[in-house]
């Protein structure tokens, strides 16, 4: 569980990164979960976009993916969301 200070720190970092994953018409399936899992292990902090033609809104998609990957929700703004999960082998971000 992230504290307010940690969440604020991660929001600052996430402000400068581009979305690397998208959730579209196909919704959330096993392949999408696998991509999020691999991206979280490699980068720890990722930003994703939910496209307009998706069945889910950003909050619902974010909560579902976070639950399935074991990630923490950093923020959800509009159609974008940010997830964080500490990497087992490639730790880059040191939380305050």
N, C-alpha and C. Protein backbone atom coordinates (compact mmCIF):
# COMPACT_ATOMS: atom_id res chain seq x y z
N UNK A 1 0.84 -1.19 0.00
CA UNK A 1 0.00 0.00 0.00
C UNK A 1 0.88 1.25 0.00
N UNK A 2 0.58 2.16 -0.91
CA UNK A 2 1.37 3.38 -1.02
C UNK A 2 0.87 4.44 -0.06
N UNK A 3 1.80 5.19 0.52
CA UNK A 3 1.43 6.33 1.36
C UNK A 3 1.16 7.53 0.45
N UNK A 4 0.61 8.58 1.01
CA UNK A 4 0.34 9.79 0.24
C UNK A 4 1.60 10.41 -0.33
N UNK A 5 2.65 10.40 0.46
CA UNK A 5 3.93 10.97 0.02
C UNK A 5 4.52 10.16 -1.15
N UNK A 6 4.44 8.83 -1.05
CA UNK A 6 4.94 7.97 -2.12
C UNK A 6 4.11 8.16 -3.39
N UNK A 7 2.79 8.22 -3.24
CA UNK A 7 1.91 8.41 -4.39
C UNK A 7 2.21 9.75 -5.08
N UNK A 8 2.42 10.79 -4.29
CA UNK A 8 2.74 12.10 -4.83
C UNK A 8 4.07 12.07 -5.59
N UNK A 9 5.05 11.38 -5.05
CA UNK A 9 6.35 11.23 -5.69
C UNK A 9 6.20 10.53 -7.04
N UNK A 10 5.42 9.45 -7.07
CA UNK A 10 5.21 8.70 -8.30
C UNK A 10 4.42 9.50 -9.34
N UNK A 11 3.48 10.31 -8.89
CA UNK A 11 2.74 11.17 -9.81
C UNK A 11 3.68 12.14 -10.50
N UNK A 12 4.64 12.67 -9.76
CA UNK A 12 5.62 13.58 -10.33
C UNK A 12 6.46 12.91 -11.41
N UNK A 13 6.85 11.69 -11.17
CA UNK A 13 7.63 10.94 -12.17
C UNK A 13 6.75 10.62 -13.38
N UNK A 14 5.51 10.20 -13.12
CA UNK A 14 4.60 9.80 -14.20
C UNK A 14 4.21 10.95 -15.11
N UNK A 15 4.30 12.17 -14.60
CA UNK A 15 3.93 13.34 -15.39
C UNK A 15 4.74 13.45 -16.67
N UNK A 16 5.97 12.99 -16.65
CA UNK A 16 6.85 13.15 -17.81
C UNK A 16 6.93 11.92 -18.71
N UNK A 17 6.28 10.82 -18.34
CA UNK A 17 6.35 9.63 -19.20
C UNK A 17 5.15 9.55 -20.12
N UNK A 18 5.35 8.90 -21.26
CA UNK A 18 4.29 8.72 -22.25
C UNK A 18 3.56 7.41 -22.00
N UNK A 19 2.27 7.33 -22.37
CA UNK A 19 1.56 6.06 -22.25
C UNK A 19 2.20 5.01 -23.16
N UNK A 20 2.41 3.82 -22.63
CA UNK A 20 3.05 2.77 -23.43
C UNK A 20 2.08 1.65 -23.80
N UNK A 21 0.93 1.60 -23.15
CA UNK A 21 -0.05 0.55 -23.44
C UNK A 21 -1.42 1.17 -23.64
N UNK A 22 -2.25 0.45 -24.44
CA UNK A 22 -3.61 0.92 -24.71
C UNK A 22 -4.59 -0.23 -24.50
N UNK A 23 -5.77 0.13 -24.03
CA UNK A 23 -6.85 -0.84 -23.92
C UNK A 23 -7.92 -0.38 -24.89
N UNK A 24 -8.24 -1.24 -25.84
CA UNK A 24 -9.17 -0.86 -26.88
C UNK A 24 -10.43 -1.70 -26.89
N UNK A 25 -10.92 -1.94 -28.09
CA UNK A 25 -12.18 -2.63 -28.31
C UNK A 25 -12.18 -4.05 -27.72
N UNK A 26 -11.03 -4.71 -27.76
CA UNK A 26 -10.93 -6.08 -27.25
C UNK A 26 -11.04 -6.17 -25.74
N UNK A 27 -10.88 -5.05 -25.06
CA UNK A 27 -10.99 -5.05 -23.60
C UNK A 27 -9.79 -5.68 -22.93
N UNK A 28 -10.01 -6.18 -21.73
CA UNK A 28 -8.94 -6.77 -20.94
C UNK A 28 -9.00 -8.28 -21.08
N UNK A 29 -7.95 -8.84 -21.67
CA UNK A 29 -7.88 -10.29 -21.82
C UNK A 29 -6.52 -10.78 -21.31
N UNK A 30 -6.26 -12.05 -21.47
CA UNK A 30 -5.03 -12.64 -20.96
C UNK A 30 -3.78 -12.01 -21.57
N UNK A 31 -3.84 -11.69 -22.86
CA UNK A 31 -2.70 -11.08 -23.54
C UNK A 31 -2.40 -9.68 -22.99
N UNK A 32 -3.44 -8.90 -22.75
CA UNK A 32 -3.27 -7.55 -22.20
C UNK A 32 -2.66 -7.62 -20.81
N UNK A 33 -3.15 -8.54 -19.99
CA UNK A 33 -2.61 -8.71 -18.63
C UNK A 33 -1.14 -9.10 -18.69
N UNK A 34 -0.78 -9.98 -19.62
CA UNK A 34 0.62 -10.39 -19.78
C UNK A 34 1.49 -9.20 -20.18
N UNK A 35 1.01 -8.34 -21.07
CA UNK A 35 1.76 -7.15 -21.47
C UNK A 35 1.96 -6.19 -20.31
N UNK A 36 0.91 -5.97 -19.52
CA UNK A 36 1.03 -5.10 -18.35
C UNK A 36 2.01 -5.69 -17.34
N UNK A 37 1.94 -7.00 -17.13
CA UNK A 37 2.83 -7.66 -16.18
C UNK A 37 4.29 -7.50 -16.58
N UNK A 38 4.59 -7.72 -17.86
CA UNK A 38 5.96 -7.58 -18.36
C UNK A 38 6.44 -6.13 -18.29
N UNK A 39 5.55 -5.20 -18.63
CA UNK A 39 5.93 -3.78 -18.60
C UNK A 39 6.19 -3.32 -17.16
N UNK A 40 5.38 -3.77 -16.21
CA UNK A 40 5.59 -3.41 -14.81
C UNK A 40 6.91 -3.98 -14.29
N UNK A 41 7.26 -5.18 -14.68
CA UNK A 41 8.52 -5.78 -14.24
C UNK A 41 9.71 -5.02 -14.82
N UNK A 42 9.59 -4.57 -16.06
CA UNK A 42 10.69 -3.87 -16.72
C UNK A 42 10.83 -2.42 -16.28
N UNK A 43 9.70 -1.73 -16.04
CA UNK A 43 9.74 -0.29 -15.80
C UNK A 43 9.29 0.15 -14.42
N UNK A 44 8.55 -0.67 -13.72
CA UNK A 44 7.96 -0.38 -12.40
C UNK A 44 6.81 0.61 -12.45
N UNK A 45 6.91 1.67 -13.23
CA UNK A 45 5.87 2.69 -13.31
C UNK A 45 5.45 2.82 -14.76
N UNK A 46 4.16 2.58 -15.04
CA UNK A 46 3.69 2.66 -16.42
C UNK A 46 2.42 3.50 -16.50
N UNK A 47 2.25 4.11 -17.66
CA UNK A 47 1.05 4.89 -17.95
C UNK A 47 0.36 4.21 -19.12
N UNK A 48 -0.97 4.12 -19.03
CA UNK A 48 -1.74 3.48 -20.09
C UNK A 48 -2.96 4.33 -20.43
N UNK A 49 -3.50 4.08 -21.62
CA UNK A 49 -4.66 4.82 -22.12
C UNK A 49 -5.79 3.85 -22.41
N UNK A 50 -7.01 4.25 -22.08
CA UNK A 50 -8.20 3.49 -22.45
C UNK A 50 -8.84 4.23 -23.62
N UNK A 51 -8.94 3.55 -24.76
CA UNK A 51 -9.49 4.18 -25.95
C UNK A 51 -11.00 4.35 -25.86
N UNK A 52 -11.55 5.23 -26.66
CA UNK A 52 -12.99 5.52 -26.63
C UNK A 52 -13.85 4.30 -26.97
N UNK A 53 -13.35 3.42 -27.85
CA UNK A 53 -14.16 2.27 -28.26
C UNK A 53 -14.09 1.11 -27.28
N UNK A 54 -13.42 1.29 -26.16
CA UNK A 54 -13.33 0.24 -25.15
C UNK A 54 -14.64 0.14 -24.37
N UNK A 55 -14.94 -1.07 -23.92
CA UNK A 55 -16.15 -1.31 -23.13
C UNK A 55 -16.04 -0.71 -21.73
N UNK A 56 -14.83 -0.67 -21.19
CA UNK A 56 -14.61 -0.21 -19.82
C UNK A 56 -14.17 1.26 -19.79
N UNK A 57 -14.44 1.93 -18.68
CA UNK A 57 -13.87 3.25 -18.49
C UNK A 57 -12.50 3.08 -17.83
N UNK A 58 -11.77 4.17 -17.70
CA UNK A 58 -10.39 4.10 -17.21
C UNK A 58 -10.32 3.57 -15.78
N UNK A 59 -11.21 4.02 -14.90
CA UNK A 59 -11.18 3.59 -13.49
C UNK A 59 -11.43 2.08 -13.37
N UNK A 60 -12.43 1.57 -14.07
CA UNK A 60 -12.75 0.14 -14.02
C UNK A 60 -11.60 -0.69 -14.56
N UNK A 61 -11.07 -0.29 -15.70
CA UNK A 61 -9.96 -1.02 -16.32
C UNK A 61 -8.74 -1.01 -15.41
N UNK A 62 -8.45 0.14 -14.84
CA UNK A 62 -7.29 0.29 -13.95
C UNK A 62 -7.42 -0.62 -12.73
N UNK A 63 -8.57 -0.63 -12.11
CA UNK A 63 -8.78 -1.46 -10.92
C UNK A 63 -8.66 -2.95 -11.24
N UNK A 64 -9.21 -3.35 -12.39
CA UNK A 64 -9.13 -4.75 -12.78
C UNK A 64 -7.69 -5.18 -13.07
N UNK A 65 -6.98 -4.37 -13.82
CA UNK A 65 -5.59 -4.70 -14.16
C UNK A 65 -4.71 -4.69 -12.91
N UNK A 66 -4.91 -3.71 -12.04
CA UNK A 66 -4.12 -3.65 -10.80
C UNK A 66 -4.36 -4.89 -9.96
N UNK A 67 -5.60 -5.35 -9.88
CA UNK A 67 -5.90 -6.55 -9.11
C UNK A 67 -5.27 -7.80 -9.70
N UNK A 68 -5.27 -7.90 -11.02
CA UNK A 68 -4.73 -9.10 -11.67
C UNK A 68 -3.20 -9.13 -11.74
N UNK A 69 -2.56 -7.96 -11.69
CA UNK A 69 -1.10 -7.92 -11.78
C UNK A 69 -0.43 -7.67 -10.44
N UNK A 70 -1.19 -7.34 -9.41
CA UNK A 70 -0.61 -7.05 -8.11
C UNK A 70 0.02 -5.67 -8.04
N UNK A 71 -0.46 -4.75 -8.88
CA UNK A 71 0.10 -3.39 -8.93
C UNK A 71 -0.71 -2.45 -8.06
N UNK A 72 -0.13 -1.29 -7.80
CA UNK A 72 -0.79 -0.22 -7.04
C UNK A 72 -1.26 0.85 -8.02
N UNK A 73 -2.46 1.37 -7.80
CA UNK A 73 -2.97 2.47 -8.62
C UNK A 73 -2.37 3.77 -8.10
N UNK A 74 -1.69 4.49 -8.99
CA UNK A 74 -1.10 5.77 -8.62
C UNK A 74 -2.11 6.88 -8.89
N UNK A 75 -2.69 6.91 -10.10
CA UNK A 75 -3.68 7.92 -10.41
C UNK A 75 -4.47 7.53 -11.65
N UNK A 76 -5.67 8.07 -11.74
CA UNK A 76 -6.52 7.92 -12.92
C UNK A 76 -7.02 9.32 -13.28
N UNK A 77 -6.69 9.75 -14.49
CA UNK A 77 -7.13 11.07 -14.96
C UNK A 77 -7.70 10.89 -16.36
N UNK A 78 -8.97 11.20 -16.52
CA UNK A 78 -9.61 11.09 -17.83
C UNK A 78 -9.56 9.67 -18.34
N UNK A 79 -8.93 9.48 -19.49
CA UNK A 79 -8.83 8.15 -20.08
C UNK A 79 -7.46 7.50 -19.84
N UNK A 80 -6.65 8.12 -19.00
CA UNK A 80 -5.31 7.58 -18.71
C UNK A 80 -5.19 7.19 -17.25
N UNK A 81 -4.33 6.20 -17.02
CA UNK A 81 -4.07 5.80 -15.65
C UNK A 81 -2.62 5.38 -15.50
N UNK A 82 -2.15 5.42 -14.25
CA UNK A 82 -0.76 5.10 -13.93
C UNK A 82 -0.75 4.00 -12.88
N UNK A 83 0.09 2.98 -13.13
CA UNK A 83 0.24 1.86 -12.20
C UNK A 83 1.70 1.75 -11.76
N UNK A 84 1.89 1.26 -10.53
CA UNK A 84 3.24 1.04 -10.00
C UNK A 84 3.30 -0.35 -9.35
N UNK A 85 4.39 -1.04 -9.62
CA UNK A 85 4.69 -2.29 -8.92
C UNK A 85 6.20 -2.42 -8.83
N UNK A 86 6.69 -2.65 -7.63
CA UNK A 86 8.13 -2.79 -7.44
C UNK A 86 8.63 -4.02 -8.20
N UNK A 87 9.69 -3.83 -8.95
CA UNK A 87 10.28 -4.91 -9.74
C UNK A 87 11.08 -5.85 -8.85
N UNK A 88 11.03 -7.13 -9.18
CA UNK A 88 11.81 -8.12 -8.42
C UNK A 88 13.27 -8.12 -8.83
N UNK A 89 13.52 -7.96 -10.14
CA UNK A 89 14.90 -8.08 -10.66
C UNK A 89 15.49 -6.78 -11.17
N UNK A 90 14.66 -5.78 -11.41
CA UNK A 90 15.13 -4.56 -12.08
C UNK A 90 14.66 -3.32 -11.34
N UNK A 91 14.98 -3.20 -10.05
CA UNK A 91 14.49 -2.10 -9.22
C UNK A 91 15.18 -0.80 -9.64
N UNK A 92 14.36 0.19 -10.02
CA UNK A 92 14.88 1.47 -10.49
C UNK A 92 14.43 2.61 -9.59
N UNK A 93 13.19 2.58 -9.14
CA UNK A 93 12.59 3.67 -8.38
C UNK A 93 12.73 3.41 -6.89
N UNK A 94 13.32 4.38 -6.19
CA UNK A 94 13.43 4.29 -4.73
C UNK A 94 12.39 5.23 -4.12
N UNK A 95 11.40 4.65 -3.47
CA UNK A 95 10.32 5.44 -2.88
C UNK A 95 10.78 6.14 -1.60
N UNK A 96 10.27 7.36 -1.36
CA UNK A 96 10.64 8.06 -0.12
C UNK A 96 9.99 7.42 1.11
